[in-house]
Amino acid sequence: MKLLLTDSGVRNASILAALVDLLGKPIAEAGALCIPTAGYGGPYGDPGGPWRFISGQSPSPMAELGWKSVGVLELTALPSIDKERWVSWVREADALLVNGGDALYLCHWMRESGLADLLPSLRDTVYVGLSAGSMVLTPRVGEYFVDWKPPTSGDSALGVVDSSIFPHLNSGPEYTMAEAERWAAGINGPAYAIDAQTAIKVTDGEVEVVSEGHWKLLNPAS
C-alpha cells in the first residue's frame, strides 16, 4: 500500500503532485472511496462534518479533486455486509480517502470492520489520510489526542508506519511547536509535527516529507 498522510488534505501543488505520482495516472482516471467514520467519533463530531468531507464542501480538499468516481465506505456498516462484497469494493478502488476526526475511534472501527486486516494486501492502493485518518496508521497517537476511549484503553493505533504524527502545527495555541515537543516527549519513538501545507509520502517503506509549509522531525535519535 502506498500512503499519503496529510494534515489537512491536498492543500497545495506539491501534495497534489505526490498524489498523482502515487496513483501512477491522472486523478481523472482513478476511482476513490471516502471513509468518513472518524468524523463521528470525537467530542466535536456531528453529521455535518462527514457530509462536508464526502460532498467536497470541507476546507480540506479530498473528494473534490476530480476523481473518475467517488464512493462511500462507512466502516460501522461493514460488519453487517457480506465481506466478499465490501472487500471487492475496496480492492477495485485506486484510492482510499480517510476522513479526520477521532483517530482512536477510527482505529477501533478499522479493526472491528476487518479493514485493518485487509490493508497490508492492498499493494497498489493509495491511502490518503486527513489528520486522524493519517494518525490512525501510526504506532501511537499520544495522550494529548485521546478523546474517545477505546475498549482496550491506551493510545495505540495500527502501527502501519513507524512514526507518530502531531497534526495542525501552528493552527492555534494548542498546536504550537512547544506543545508538539511536549507531546513527543511522551512518545516512545520518532514523530513528525506537520502543518496544513505538509504531507508524509510513504512508498515501499521509504518516507518523504512533501511540504510547502512547516514541519519538524521530533525524537529523531529514537
N, C-alpha and C. Protein backbone atom coordinates (compact mmCIF):
# COMPACT_ATOMS: atom_id res chain seq x y z
N MET A 1 0.84 -1.20 0.00
CA MET A 1 0.00 0.00 0.00
C MET A 1 0.88 1.24 0.00
N LYS A 2 0.45 2.22 -0.77
CA LYS A 2 1.16 3.50 -0.85
C LYS A 2 0.40 4.53 -0.02
N LEU A 3 1.13 5.35 0.71
CA LEU A 3 0.50 6.23 1.70
C LEU A 3 0.80 7.70 1.41
N LEU A 4 -0.22 8.53 1.59
CA LEU A 4 -0.05 9.98 1.59
C LEU A 4 -0.77 10.48 2.83
N LEU A 5 0.01 10.77 3.86
CA LEU A 5 -0.55 11.13 5.17
C LEU A 5 -0.53 12.64 5.32
N THR A 6 -1.69 13.25 5.18
CA THR A 6 -1.78 14.70 5.18
C THR A 6 -2.31 15.23 6.51
N ASP A 7 -2.11 16.49 6.71
CA ASP A 7 -2.66 17.20 7.85
C ASP A 7 -4.06 17.69 7.53
N SER A 8 -4.22 18.28 6.36
CA SER A 8 -5.48 18.94 6.01
C SER A 8 -5.85 18.71 4.55
N GLY A 9 -5.60 17.51 4.05
CA GLY A 9 -5.96 17.21 2.69
C GLY A 9 -4.92 17.68 1.68
N VAL A 10 -5.32 17.71 0.42
CA VAL A 10 -4.41 18.05 -0.68
C VAL A 10 -4.47 19.56 -0.88
N ARG A 11 -3.65 20.26 -0.11
CA ARG A 11 -3.78 21.71 0.01
C ARG A 11 -2.87 22.51 -0.92
N ASN A 12 -1.94 21.86 -1.60
CA ASN A 12 -1.04 22.61 -2.47
C ASN A 12 -0.55 21.75 -3.62
N ALA A 13 0.17 22.38 -4.55
CA ALA A 13 0.60 21.69 -5.78
C ALA A 13 1.57 20.56 -5.49
N SER A 14 2.40 20.71 -4.46
CA SER A 14 3.38 19.67 -4.15
C SER A 14 2.69 18.39 -3.66
N ILE A 15 1.69 18.55 -2.79
CA ILE A 15 0.96 17.39 -2.29
C ILE A 15 0.14 16.76 -3.41
N LEU A 16 -0.43 17.58 -4.27
CA LEU A 16 -1.19 17.07 -5.42
C LEU A 16 -0.28 16.26 -6.34
N ALA A 17 0.92 16.76 -6.60
CA ALA A 17 1.87 16.04 -7.46
C ALA A 17 2.27 14.72 -6.82
N ALA A 18 2.41 14.70 -5.50
CA ALA A 18 2.76 13.46 -4.80
C ALA A 18 1.63 12.44 -4.93
N LEU A 19 0.39 12.90 -4.86
CA LEU A 19 -0.75 12.00 -5.01
C LEU A 19 -0.79 11.41 -6.42
N VAL A 20 -0.62 12.23 -7.43
CA VAL A 20 -0.63 11.74 -8.80
C VAL A 20 0.51 10.74 -9.03
N ASP A 21 1.66 11.02 -8.46
CA ASP A 21 2.79 10.11 -8.59
C ASP A 21 2.48 8.75 -7.96
N LEU A 22 1.85 8.76 -6.79
CA LEU A 22 1.49 7.50 -6.13
C LEU A 22 0.44 6.74 -6.93
N LEU A 23 -0.52 7.45 -7.50
CA LEU A 23 -1.56 6.80 -8.30
C LEU A 23 -0.99 6.19 -9.58
N GLY A 24 0.02 6.86 -10.14
CA GLY A 24 0.58 6.40 -11.41
C GLY A 24 -0.28 6.73 -12.60
N LYS A 25 -1.26 7.61 -12.42
CA LYS A 25 -2.14 8.04 -13.51
C LYS A 25 -2.86 9.30 -13.05
N PRO A 26 -3.49 10.02 -13.97
CA PRO A 26 -4.22 11.23 -13.57
C PRO A 26 -5.38 10.91 -12.63
N ILE A 27 -5.71 11.85 -11.76
CA ILE A 27 -6.83 11.67 -10.84
C ILE A 27 -8.11 11.41 -11.61
N ALA A 28 -8.27 12.03 -12.77
CA ALA A 28 -9.48 11.87 -13.56
C ALA A 28 -9.68 10.44 -14.06
N GLU A 29 -8.64 9.61 -13.96
CA GLU A 29 -8.73 8.22 -14.39
C GLU A 29 -8.80 7.26 -13.20
N ALA A 30 -8.90 7.80 -11.99
CA ALA A 30 -8.83 6.97 -10.78
C ALA A 30 -10.14 7.02 -10.00
N GLY A 31 -10.50 5.89 -9.40
CA GLY A 31 -11.68 5.82 -8.55
C GLY A 31 -11.29 5.85 -7.08
N ALA A 32 -12.10 6.51 -6.28
CA ALA A 32 -11.79 6.67 -4.86
C ALA A 32 -12.97 6.25 -3.99
N LEU A 33 -12.67 5.78 -2.81
CA LEU A 33 -13.67 5.52 -1.77
C LEU A 33 -13.41 6.45 -0.60
N CYS A 34 -14.42 7.19 -0.17
CA CYS A 34 -14.32 8.04 1.01
C CYS A 34 -14.70 7.24 2.26
N ILE A 35 -13.89 7.36 3.30
CA ILE A 35 -14.18 6.70 4.58
C ILE A 35 -14.40 7.81 5.61
N PRO A 36 -15.67 8.15 5.93
CA PRO A 36 -15.97 9.29 6.79
C PRO A 36 -15.98 8.98 8.28
N THR A 37 -15.77 7.72 8.67
CA THR A 37 -16.08 7.22 10.01
C THR A 37 -15.51 8.06 11.15
N ALA A 38 -14.26 8.48 11.05
CA ALA A 38 -13.62 9.19 12.16
C ALA A 38 -14.36 10.47 12.53
N GLY A 39 -15.09 11.04 11.58
CA GLY A 39 -15.79 12.30 11.82
C GLY A 39 -16.92 12.20 12.82
N TYR A 40 -17.36 10.98 13.14
CA TYR A 40 -18.43 10.81 14.12
C TYR A 40 -17.91 10.61 15.54
N GLY A 41 -16.63 10.28 15.69
CA GLY A 41 -16.15 9.75 16.95
C GLY A 41 -15.74 10.74 18.02
N GLY A 42 -15.25 11.89 17.64
CA GLY A 42 -14.71 12.81 18.63
C GLY A 42 -15.79 13.62 19.33
N PRO A 43 -15.40 14.35 20.37
CA PRO A 43 -16.37 15.14 21.13
C PRO A 43 -16.99 16.27 20.32
N TYR A 44 -16.33 16.65 19.22
CA TYR A 44 -16.87 17.72 18.39
C TYR A 44 -17.50 17.16 17.10
N GLY A 45 -17.62 15.85 17.01
CA GLY A 45 -18.19 15.25 15.82
C GLY A 45 -19.67 15.58 15.67
N ASP A 46 -20.11 15.75 14.43
CA ASP A 46 -21.52 15.99 14.14
C ASP A 46 -21.79 15.53 12.72
N PRO A 47 -23.05 15.34 12.33
CA PRO A 47 -23.35 14.83 11.00
C PRO A 47 -22.85 15.71 9.86
N GLY A 48 -22.68 16.99 10.14
CA GLY A 48 -22.25 17.90 9.08
C GLY A 48 -20.83 17.66 8.61
N GLY A 49 -19.96 17.26 9.52
CA GLY A 49 -18.56 17.06 9.16
C GLY A 49 -18.37 15.96 8.13
N PRO A 50 -18.89 14.75 8.36
CA PRO A 50 -18.78 13.71 7.35
C PRO A 50 -19.43 14.09 6.02
N TRP A 51 -20.57 14.80 6.07
CA TRP A 51 -21.22 15.22 4.83
C TRP A 51 -20.32 16.17 4.04
N ARG A 52 -19.71 17.13 4.73
CA ARG A 52 -18.83 18.06 4.04
C ARG A 52 -17.64 17.33 3.42
N PHE A 53 -17.11 16.35 4.14
CA PHE A 53 -15.98 15.57 3.63
C PHE A 53 -16.37 14.82 2.37
N ILE A 54 -17.48 14.12 2.41
CA ILE A 54 -17.93 13.30 1.28
C ILE A 54 -18.32 14.17 0.08
N SER A 55 -18.97 15.27 0.34
CA SER A 55 -19.51 16.11 -0.74
C SER A 55 -18.49 17.08 -1.32
N GLY A 56 -17.30 17.14 -0.72
CA GLY A 56 -16.29 18.07 -1.21
C GLY A 56 -16.53 19.49 -0.78
N GLN A 57 -17.26 19.68 0.33
CA GLN A 57 -17.57 21.01 0.82
C GLN A 57 -16.68 21.42 2.00
N SER A 58 -15.72 20.58 2.37
CA SER A 58 -14.87 20.89 3.51
C SER A 58 -13.69 21.74 3.05
N PRO A 59 -12.98 22.39 3.98
CA PRO A 59 -11.81 23.18 3.60
C PRO A 59 -10.57 22.31 3.37
N SER A 60 -10.72 21.00 3.45
CA SER A 60 -9.60 20.06 3.30
C SER A 60 -9.83 19.23 2.05
N PRO A 61 -9.26 19.64 0.92
CA PRO A 61 -9.58 19.00 -0.36
C PRO A 61 -9.22 17.52 -0.41
N MET A 62 -10.22 16.70 -0.70
CA MET A 62 -10.03 15.25 -0.84
C MET A 62 -10.97 14.72 -1.92
N ALA A 63 -12.28 14.73 -1.64
CA ALA A 63 -13.24 14.15 -2.56
C ALA A 63 -13.44 15.00 -3.82
N GLU A 64 -13.12 16.28 -3.75
CA GLU A 64 -13.42 17.21 -4.84
C GLU A 64 -12.28 17.41 -5.82
N LEU A 65 -11.34 16.46 -5.87
CA LEU A 65 -10.14 16.64 -6.70
C LEU A 65 -10.33 16.25 -8.16
N GLY A 66 -11.52 15.79 -8.53
CA GLY A 66 -11.77 15.43 -9.91
C GLY A 66 -11.62 13.95 -10.21
N TRP A 67 -11.95 13.10 -9.24
CA TRP A 67 -11.84 11.66 -9.41
C TRP A 67 -12.80 11.16 -10.49
N LYS A 68 -12.44 10.06 -11.13
CA LYS A 68 -13.32 9.42 -12.11
C LYS A 68 -14.61 8.97 -11.44
N SER A 69 -14.49 8.46 -10.22
CA SER A 69 -15.66 8.06 -9.45
C SER A 69 -15.35 8.20 -7.97
N VAL A 70 -16.38 8.45 -7.17
CA VAL A 70 -16.23 8.56 -5.72
C VAL A 70 -17.36 7.78 -5.07
N GLY A 71 -17.00 6.90 -4.14
CA GLY A 71 -17.99 6.17 -3.36
C GLY A 71 -17.76 6.38 -1.89
N VAL A 72 -18.62 5.83 -1.06
CA VAL A 72 -18.53 5.99 0.39
C VAL A 72 -18.44 4.60 1.03
N LEU A 73 -17.49 4.44 1.92
CA LEU A 73 -17.32 3.21 2.68
C LEU A 73 -17.41 3.57 4.17
N GLU A 74 -18.56 3.31 4.78
CA GLU A 74 -18.76 3.60 6.20
C GLU A 74 -18.40 2.35 7.00
N LEU A 75 -17.35 2.44 7.79
CA LEU A 75 -16.80 1.26 8.46
C LEU A 75 -17.77 0.65 9.46
N THR A 76 -18.59 1.46 10.11
CA THR A 76 -19.50 0.90 11.11
C THR A 76 -20.57 0.01 10.47
N ALA A 77 -20.78 0.16 9.16
CA ALA A 77 -21.77 -0.67 8.46
C ALA A 77 -21.19 -2.00 7.99
N LEU A 78 -19.88 -2.10 7.88
CA LEU A 78 -19.28 -3.27 7.24
C LEU A 78 -19.55 -4.59 7.95
N PRO A 79 -19.58 -4.65 9.29
CA PRO A 79 -19.86 -5.94 9.93
C PRO A 79 -21.21 -6.54 9.55
N SER A 80 -22.14 -5.73 9.05
CA SER A 80 -23.46 -6.23 8.68
C SER A 80 -23.59 -6.50 7.18
N ILE A 81 -22.48 -6.35 6.45
CA ILE A 81 -22.48 -6.56 5.00
C ILE A 81 -21.64 -7.79 4.68
N ASP A 82 -22.04 -8.55 3.68
CA ASP A 82 -21.24 -9.68 3.24
C ASP A 82 -19.81 -9.23 2.95
N LYS A 83 -18.84 -9.90 3.56
CA LYS A 83 -17.45 -9.46 3.47
C LYS A 83 -16.93 -9.46 2.04
N GLU A 84 -17.30 -10.47 1.27
CA GLU A 84 -16.81 -10.52 -0.10
C GLU A 84 -17.25 -9.31 -0.91
N ARG A 85 -18.44 -8.78 -0.61
CA ARG A 85 -18.93 -7.60 -1.34
C ARG A 85 -18.07 -6.39 -1.05
N TRP A 86 -17.89 -6.05 0.23
CA TRP A 86 -17.17 -4.82 0.52
C TRP A 86 -15.68 -4.94 0.26
N VAL A 87 -15.13 -6.12 0.40
CA VAL A 87 -13.71 -6.31 0.07
C VAL A 87 -13.49 -6.06 -1.42
N SER A 88 -14.43 -6.49 -2.24
CA SER A 88 -14.29 -6.24 -3.68
C SER A 88 -14.35 -4.75 -3.98
N TRP A 89 -15.19 -4.01 -3.24
CA TRP A 89 -15.26 -2.56 -3.44
C TRP A 89 -13.90 -1.92 -3.14
N VAL A 90 -13.30 -2.35 -2.03
CA VAL A 90 -12.02 -1.78 -1.62
C VAL A 90 -10.93 -2.13 -2.63
N ARG A 91 -10.90 -3.38 -3.06
CA ARG A 91 -9.84 -3.81 -3.99
C ARG A 91 -9.97 -3.12 -5.35
N GLU A 92 -11.16 -2.75 -5.73
CA GLU A 92 -11.36 -2.08 -7.01
C GLU A 92 -11.01 -0.60 -6.97
N ALA A 93 -10.92 -0.03 -5.80
CA ALA A 93 -10.63 1.41 -5.66
C ALA A 93 -9.14 1.68 -5.89
N ASP A 94 -8.86 2.79 -6.54
CA ASP A 94 -7.48 3.23 -6.69
C ASP A 94 -6.99 3.95 -5.44
N ALA A 95 -7.92 4.58 -4.72
CA ALA A 95 -7.53 5.36 -3.54
C ALA A 95 -8.59 5.25 -2.45
N LEU A 96 -8.11 5.25 -1.22
CA LEU A 96 -8.97 5.35 -0.04
C LEU A 96 -8.74 6.73 0.57
N LEU A 97 -9.79 7.52 0.68
CA LEU A 97 -9.70 8.86 1.25
C LEU A 97 -10.28 8.80 2.65
N VAL A 98 -9.44 9.00 3.66
CA VAL A 98 -9.83 8.69 5.03
C VAL A 98 -9.95 9.98 5.84
N ASN A 99 -11.15 10.23 6.31
CA ASN A 99 -11.50 11.48 6.97
C ASN A 99 -10.80 11.69 8.31
N GLY A 100 -10.75 12.93 8.74
CA GLY A 100 -10.27 13.28 10.07
C GLY A 100 -11.38 13.16 11.09
N GLY A 101 -11.04 13.41 12.33
CA GLY A 101 -11.97 13.27 13.45
C GLY A 101 -11.24 12.69 14.64
N ASP A 102 -11.68 11.53 15.10
CA ASP A 102 -11.05 10.90 16.25
C ASP A 102 -10.27 9.67 15.79
N ALA A 103 -8.96 9.69 16.00
CA ALA A 103 -8.08 8.63 15.49
C ALA A 103 -8.34 7.29 16.16
N LEU A 104 -8.60 7.27 17.46
CA LEU A 104 -8.81 6.01 18.15
C LEU A 104 -10.18 5.40 17.83
N TYR A 105 -11.18 6.24 17.62
CA TYR A 105 -12.48 5.74 17.15
C TYR A 105 -12.33 5.10 15.78
N LEU A 106 -11.59 5.76 14.91
CA LEU A 106 -11.33 5.22 13.58
C LEU A 106 -10.55 3.92 13.68
N CYS A 107 -9.54 3.88 14.54
CA CYS A 107 -8.74 2.67 14.73
C CYS A 107 -9.62 1.51 15.17
N HIS A 108 -10.50 1.77 16.12
CA HIS A 108 -11.41 0.73 16.62
C HIS A 108 -12.24 0.15 15.48
N TRP A 109 -12.81 1.02 14.65
CA TRP A 109 -13.69 0.53 13.59
C TRP A 109 -12.91 -0.04 12.41
N MET A 110 -11.69 0.37 12.21
CA MET A 110 -10.87 -0.30 11.20
C MET A 110 -10.63 -1.76 11.61
N ARG A 111 -10.41 -1.97 12.88
CA ARG A 111 -10.20 -3.34 13.37
C ARG A 111 -11.50 -4.13 13.37
N GLU A 112 -12.56 -3.53 13.92
CA GLU A 112 -13.84 -4.23 14.03
C GLU A 112 -14.41 -4.60 12.65
N SER A 113 -14.22 -3.73 11.68
CA SER A 113 -14.78 -3.96 10.35
C SER A 113 -13.99 -4.98 9.55
N GLY A 114 -12.71 -5.15 9.90
CA GLY A 114 -11.84 -6.03 9.14
C GLY A 114 -10.96 -5.30 8.14
N LEU A 115 -11.16 -3.98 7.98
CA LEU A 115 -10.35 -3.23 7.03
C LEU A 115 -8.88 -3.23 7.43
N ALA A 116 -8.59 -3.15 8.72
CA ALA A 116 -7.20 -3.14 9.17
C ALA A 116 -6.46 -4.39 8.71
N ASP A 117 -7.13 -5.54 8.75
CA ASP A 117 -6.51 -6.79 8.32
C ASP A 117 -6.30 -6.82 6.81
N LEU A 118 -7.14 -6.11 6.08
CA LEU A 118 -7.06 -6.09 4.62
C LEU A 118 -5.96 -5.16 4.10
N LEU A 119 -5.65 -4.12 4.84
CA LEU A 119 -4.74 -3.08 4.35
C LEU A 119 -3.40 -3.62 3.83
N PRO A 120 -2.73 -4.55 4.53
CA PRO A 120 -1.42 -4.99 4.03
C PRO A 120 -1.45 -5.64 2.65
N SER A 121 -2.60 -6.13 2.24
CA SER A 121 -2.69 -6.80 0.93
C SER A 121 -2.98 -5.82 -0.21
N LEU A 122 -3.22 -4.56 0.11
CA LEU A 122 -3.58 -3.56 -0.90
C LEU A 122 -2.33 -2.89 -1.45
N ARG A 123 -1.55 -3.63 -2.19
CA ARG A 123 -0.23 -3.15 -2.60
C ARG A 123 -0.29 -1.97 -3.56
N ASP A 124 -1.30 -1.91 -4.40
CA ASP A 124 -1.36 -0.84 -5.40
C ASP A 124 -2.32 0.29 -5.02
N THR A 125 -2.98 0.15 -3.90
CA THR A 125 -3.95 1.16 -3.46
C THR A 125 -3.23 2.33 -2.79
N VAL A 126 -3.71 3.54 -3.05
CA VAL A 126 -3.16 4.74 -2.40
C VAL A 126 -4.07 5.12 -1.25
N TYR A 127 -3.52 5.13 -0.07
CA TYR A 127 -4.24 5.53 1.14
C TYR A 127 -3.93 7.00 1.39
N VAL A 128 -4.96 7.83 1.39
CA VAL A 128 -4.79 9.27 1.62
C VAL A 128 -5.47 9.62 2.93
N GLY A 129 -4.70 9.94 3.94
CA GLY A 129 -5.23 10.25 5.25
C GLY A 129 -5.34 11.74 5.48
N LEU A 130 -6.35 12.12 6.24
CA LEU A 130 -6.56 13.52 6.64
C LEU A 130 -6.55 13.58 8.16
N SER A 131 -5.55 14.19 8.76
CA SER A 131 -5.47 14.36 10.21
C SER A 131 -5.59 13.00 10.93
N ALA A 132 -6.72 12.74 11.60
CA ALA A 132 -6.89 11.45 12.28
C ALA A 132 -6.78 10.28 11.32
N GLY A 133 -7.17 10.50 10.05
CA GLY A 133 -7.03 9.47 9.04
C GLY A 133 -5.58 9.13 8.76
N SER A 134 -4.68 10.06 9.06
CA SER A 134 -3.24 9.80 8.97
C SER A 134 -2.72 9.22 10.28
N MET A 135 -3.15 9.78 11.39
CA MET A 135 -2.66 9.35 12.70
C MET A 135 -2.99 7.90 13.01
N VAL A 136 -4.09 7.40 12.45
CA VAL A 136 -4.52 6.03 12.76
C VAL A 136 -3.50 4.99 12.29
N LEU A 137 -2.65 5.32 11.34
CA LEU A 137 -1.66 4.37 10.85
C LEU A 137 -0.37 4.38 11.65
N THR A 138 -0.27 5.25 12.63
CA THR A 138 0.96 5.39 13.41
C THR A 138 0.96 4.42 14.60
N PRO A 139 2.10 4.27 15.29
CA PRO A 139 2.13 3.39 16.46
C PRO A 139 1.28 3.90 17.62
N ARG A 140 1.33 5.21 17.88
CA ARG A 140 0.61 5.81 19.00
C ARG A 140 0.14 7.20 18.61
N VAL A 141 -1.00 7.62 19.17
CA VAL A 141 -1.45 8.99 18.93
C VAL A 141 -1.02 9.92 20.06
N GLY A 142 -0.64 9.37 21.21
CA GLY A 142 -0.25 10.19 22.36
C GLY A 142 -1.46 10.59 23.18
N GLU A 143 -1.28 10.67 24.48
CA GLU A 143 -2.39 11.00 25.38
C GLU A 143 -3.01 12.35 25.05
N TYR A 144 -2.26 13.23 24.46
CA TYR A 144 -2.74 14.57 24.10
C TYR A 144 -3.95 14.49 23.17
N PHE A 145 -4.02 13.41 22.37
CA PHE A 145 -5.07 13.28 21.37
C PHE A 145 -6.10 12.20 21.72
N VAL A 146 -6.13 11.77 22.95
CA VAL A 146 -7.11 10.77 23.36
C VAL A 146 -8.38 11.47 23.84
N ASP A 147 -9.45 11.33 23.07
CA ASP A 147 -10.77 11.82 23.47
C ASP A 147 -11.71 10.62 23.62
N TRP A 148 -12.02 9.97 22.51
CA TRP A 148 -12.82 8.74 22.57
C TRP A 148 -11.98 7.64 23.19
N LYS A 149 -12.54 6.94 24.16
CA LYS A 149 -11.79 5.93 24.89
C LYS A 149 -12.03 4.54 24.28
N PRO A 150 -11.00 3.91 23.74
CA PRO A 150 -11.17 2.58 23.17
C PRO A 150 -11.40 1.53 24.25
N PRO A 151 -12.07 0.43 23.93
CA PRO A 151 -12.31 -0.62 24.93
C PRO A 151 -11.03 -1.17 25.54
N THR A 152 -9.96 -1.15 24.77
CA THR A 152 -8.68 -1.67 25.26
C THR A 152 -7.89 -0.63 26.03
N SER A 153 -8.40 0.61 26.11
CA SER A 153 -7.71 1.75 26.73
C SER A 153 -6.39 2.03 26.02
N GLY A 154 -5.64 2.97 26.53
CA GLY A 154 -4.36 3.32 25.92
C GLY A 154 -4.51 4.22 24.70
N ASP A 155 -3.39 4.44 24.01
CA ASP A 155 -3.38 5.34 22.85
C ASP A 155 -2.76 4.68 21.62
N SER A 156 -2.73 3.36 21.60
CA SER A 156 -2.13 2.64 20.48
C SER A 156 -3.01 2.72 19.25
N ALA A 157 -2.35 2.90 18.10
CA ALA A 157 -3.04 2.87 16.81
C ALA A 157 -2.56 1.65 16.02
N LEU A 158 -2.67 1.68 14.70
CA LEU A 158 -2.44 0.47 13.91
C LEU A 158 -0.96 0.14 13.69
N GLY A 159 -0.07 1.11 13.78
CA GLY A 159 1.35 0.83 13.63
C GLY A 159 1.78 0.42 12.24
N VAL A 160 1.08 0.89 11.21
CA VAL A 160 1.47 0.60 9.83
C VAL A 160 2.76 1.31 9.48
N VAL A 161 2.93 2.52 10.01
CA VAL A 161 4.18 3.26 9.85
C VAL A 161 4.90 3.34 11.19
N ASP A 162 6.15 3.74 11.17
CA ASP A 162 6.98 3.72 12.38
C ASP A 162 6.93 5.00 13.19
N SER A 163 6.43 6.08 12.61
CA SER A 163 6.48 7.39 13.27
C SER A 163 5.08 7.89 13.60
N SER A 164 4.97 8.58 14.73
CA SER A 164 3.71 9.20 15.11
C SER A 164 3.59 10.59 14.46
N ILE A 165 2.39 11.17 14.52
CA ILE A 165 2.14 12.44 13.84
C ILE A 165 1.40 13.39 14.78
N PHE A 166 1.93 14.60 14.88
CA PHE A 166 1.27 15.71 15.57
C PHE A 166 0.76 16.64 14.46
N PRO A 167 -0.55 16.67 14.21
CA PRO A 167 -1.07 17.47 13.10
C PRO A 167 -1.39 18.91 13.49
N HIS A 168 -1.74 19.70 12.49
CA HIS A 168 -2.26 21.06 12.66
C HIS A 168 -1.26 22.01 13.33
N LEU A 169 0.01 21.77 13.09
CA LEU A 169 1.05 22.61 13.66
C LEU A 169 0.80 24.09 13.34
N ASN A 170 0.89 24.91 14.38
CA ASN A 170 0.76 26.37 14.28
C ASN A 170 -0.64 26.85 13.88
N SER A 171 -1.65 25.97 14.04
CA SER A 171 -3.01 26.39 13.69
C SER A 171 -3.78 26.99 14.86
N GLY A 172 -3.19 26.97 16.05
CA GLY A 172 -3.84 27.52 17.23
C GLY A 172 -2.96 27.34 18.44
N PRO A 173 -3.34 27.92 19.58
CA PRO A 173 -2.48 27.87 20.78
C PRO A 173 -2.24 26.46 21.30
N GLU A 174 -3.14 25.52 20.98
CA GLU A 174 -2.95 24.14 21.44
C GLU A 174 -2.10 23.33 20.47
N TYR A 175 -1.67 23.96 19.36
CA TYR A 175 -0.90 23.24 18.35
C TYR A 175 0.42 23.93 18.03
N THR A 176 1.03 24.53 19.02
CA THR A 176 2.31 25.18 18.82
C THR A 176 3.43 24.14 18.79
N MET A 177 4.61 24.55 18.34
CA MET A 177 5.75 23.64 18.35
C MET A 177 6.11 23.23 19.77
N ALA A 178 5.93 24.14 20.72
CA ALA A 178 6.21 23.80 22.12
C ALA A 178 5.28 22.67 22.58
N GLU A 179 4.00 22.75 22.20
CA GLU A 179 3.06 21.68 22.55
C GLU A 179 3.44 20.38 21.85
N ALA A 180 3.87 20.49 20.60
CA ALA A 180 4.29 19.30 19.86
C ALA A 180 5.48 18.63 20.54
N GLU A 181 6.40 19.42 21.02
CA GLU A 181 7.58 18.85 21.67
C GLU A 181 7.21 18.20 23.01
N ARG A 182 6.26 18.81 23.73
CA ARG A 182 5.80 18.17 24.97
C ARG A 182 5.09 16.85 24.67
N TRP A 183 4.27 16.85 23.62
CA TRP A 183 3.60 15.62 23.19
C TRP A 183 4.62 14.55 22.81
N ALA A 184 5.63 14.94 22.04
CA ALA A 184 6.63 13.99 21.57
C ALA A 184 7.44 13.38 22.71
N ALA A 185 7.58 14.12 23.81
CA ALA A 185 8.32 13.59 24.95
C ALA A 185 7.65 12.35 25.54
N GLY A 186 6.35 12.21 25.30
CA GLY A 186 5.63 11.03 25.80
C GLY A 186 5.50 9.93 24.77
N ILE A 187 6.07 10.13 23.59
CA ILE A 187 6.01 9.14 22.51
C ILE A 187 7.33 8.38 22.47
N ASN A 188 7.27 7.09 22.56
CA ASN A 188 8.49 6.28 22.53
C ASN A 188 8.85 5.95 21.09
N GLY A 189 9.40 6.94 20.41
CA GLY A 189 9.77 6.73 19.02
C GLY A 189 9.73 8.02 18.24
N PRO A 190 10.14 7.99 16.98
CA PRO A 190 10.15 9.20 16.17
C PRO A 190 8.74 9.72 15.91
N ALA A 191 8.64 11.02 15.67
CA ALA A 191 7.34 11.65 15.48
C ALA A 191 7.52 12.90 14.62
N TYR A 192 6.53 13.16 13.80
CA TYR A 192 6.54 14.35 12.96
C TYR A 192 5.49 15.34 13.44
N ALA A 193 5.87 16.60 13.51
CA ALA A 193 4.91 17.69 13.66
C ALA A 193 4.74 18.29 12.27
N ILE A 194 3.49 18.36 11.78
CA ILE A 194 3.25 18.84 10.42
C ILE A 194 2.12 19.87 10.40
N ASP A 195 2.19 20.77 9.43
CA ASP A 195 1.14 21.78 9.30
C ASP A 195 0.26 21.47 8.09
N ALA A 196 -0.66 22.38 7.78
CA ALA A 196 -1.66 22.15 6.74
C ALA A 196 -1.06 22.04 5.35
N GLN A 197 0.15 22.53 5.17
CA GLN A 197 0.79 22.50 3.86
C GLN A 197 1.78 21.35 3.71
N THR A 198 1.66 20.37 4.59
CA THR A 198 2.64 19.28 4.65
C THR A 198 1.96 17.92 4.60
N ALA A 199 2.62 16.97 3.98
CA ALA A 199 2.17 15.58 3.96
C ALA A 199 3.38 14.67 4.04
N ILE A 200 3.14 13.44 4.46
CA ILE A 200 4.19 12.42 4.52
C ILE A 200 3.85 11.34 3.49
N LYS A 201 4.76 11.15 2.57
CA LYS A 201 4.58 10.19 1.47
C LYS A 201 5.39 8.94 1.79
N VAL A 202 4.75 7.78 1.72
CA VAL A 202 5.43 6.53 2.03
C VAL A 202 5.23 5.56 0.87
N THR A 203 6.34 5.13 0.28
CA THR A 203 6.30 4.19 -0.82
C THR A 203 7.31 3.08 -0.56
N ASP A 204 6.83 1.84 -0.45
CA ASP A 204 7.71 0.70 -0.18
C ASP A 204 8.60 0.95 1.04
N GLY A 205 8.03 1.57 2.05
CA GLY A 205 8.75 1.81 3.29
C GLY A 205 9.63 3.05 3.28
N GLU A 206 9.79 3.68 2.13
CA GLU A 206 10.60 4.89 2.04
C GLU A 206 9.75 6.11 2.35
N VAL A 207 10.23 6.95 3.25
CA VAL A 207 9.46 8.10 3.74
C VAL A 207 10.01 9.38 3.13
N GLU A 208 9.10 10.20 2.63
CA GLU A 208 9.46 11.51 2.08
C GLU A 208 8.49 12.55 2.62
N VAL A 209 9.00 13.63 3.14
CA VAL A 209 8.13 14.73 3.58
C VAL A 209 7.92 15.67 2.41
N VAL A 210 6.65 15.91 2.09
CA VAL A 210 6.28 16.81 0.99
C VAL A 210 5.67 18.04 1.63
N SER A 211 6.31 19.20 1.43
CA SER A 211 5.84 20.36 2.19
C SER A 211 6.09 21.68 1.46
N GLU A 212 5.10 22.54 1.56
CA GLU A 212 5.26 23.95 1.21
C GLU A 212 5.05 24.80 2.46
N GLY A 213 5.16 24.17 3.62
CA GLY A 213 4.92 24.86 4.89
C GLY A 213 5.98 24.53 5.91
N HIS A 214 5.52 24.11 7.10
CA HIS A 214 6.44 23.88 8.21
C HIS A 214 6.23 22.48 8.80
N TRP A 215 7.33 21.87 9.17
CA TRP A 215 7.28 20.56 9.81
C TRP A 215 8.59 20.34 10.56
N LYS A 216 8.58 19.35 11.41
CA LYS A 216 9.79 19.02 12.16
C LYS A 216 9.73 17.55 12.57
N LEU A 217 10.87 16.87 12.44
CA LEU A 217 11.01 15.51 12.94
C LEU A 217 11.45 15.58 14.39
N LEU A 218 10.65 15.03 15.27
CA LEU A 218 10.92 15.02 16.70
C LEU A 218 11.40 13.65 17.14
N ASN A 219 12.19 13.59 18.18
CA ASN A 219 12.76 12.33 18.68
C ASN A 219 13.53 11.58 17.59
N PRO A 220 14.33 12.26 16.75
CA PRO A 220 14.99 11.55 15.65
C PRO A 220 15.97 10.48 16.11
N ALA A 221 16.54 10.66 17.31
CA ALA A 221 17.52 9.68 17.80
C ALA A 221 16.87 8.35 18.10
N SER A 222 15.56 8.33 18.29
CA SER A 222 14.84 7.10 18.61
C SER A 222 14.70 6.21 17.38
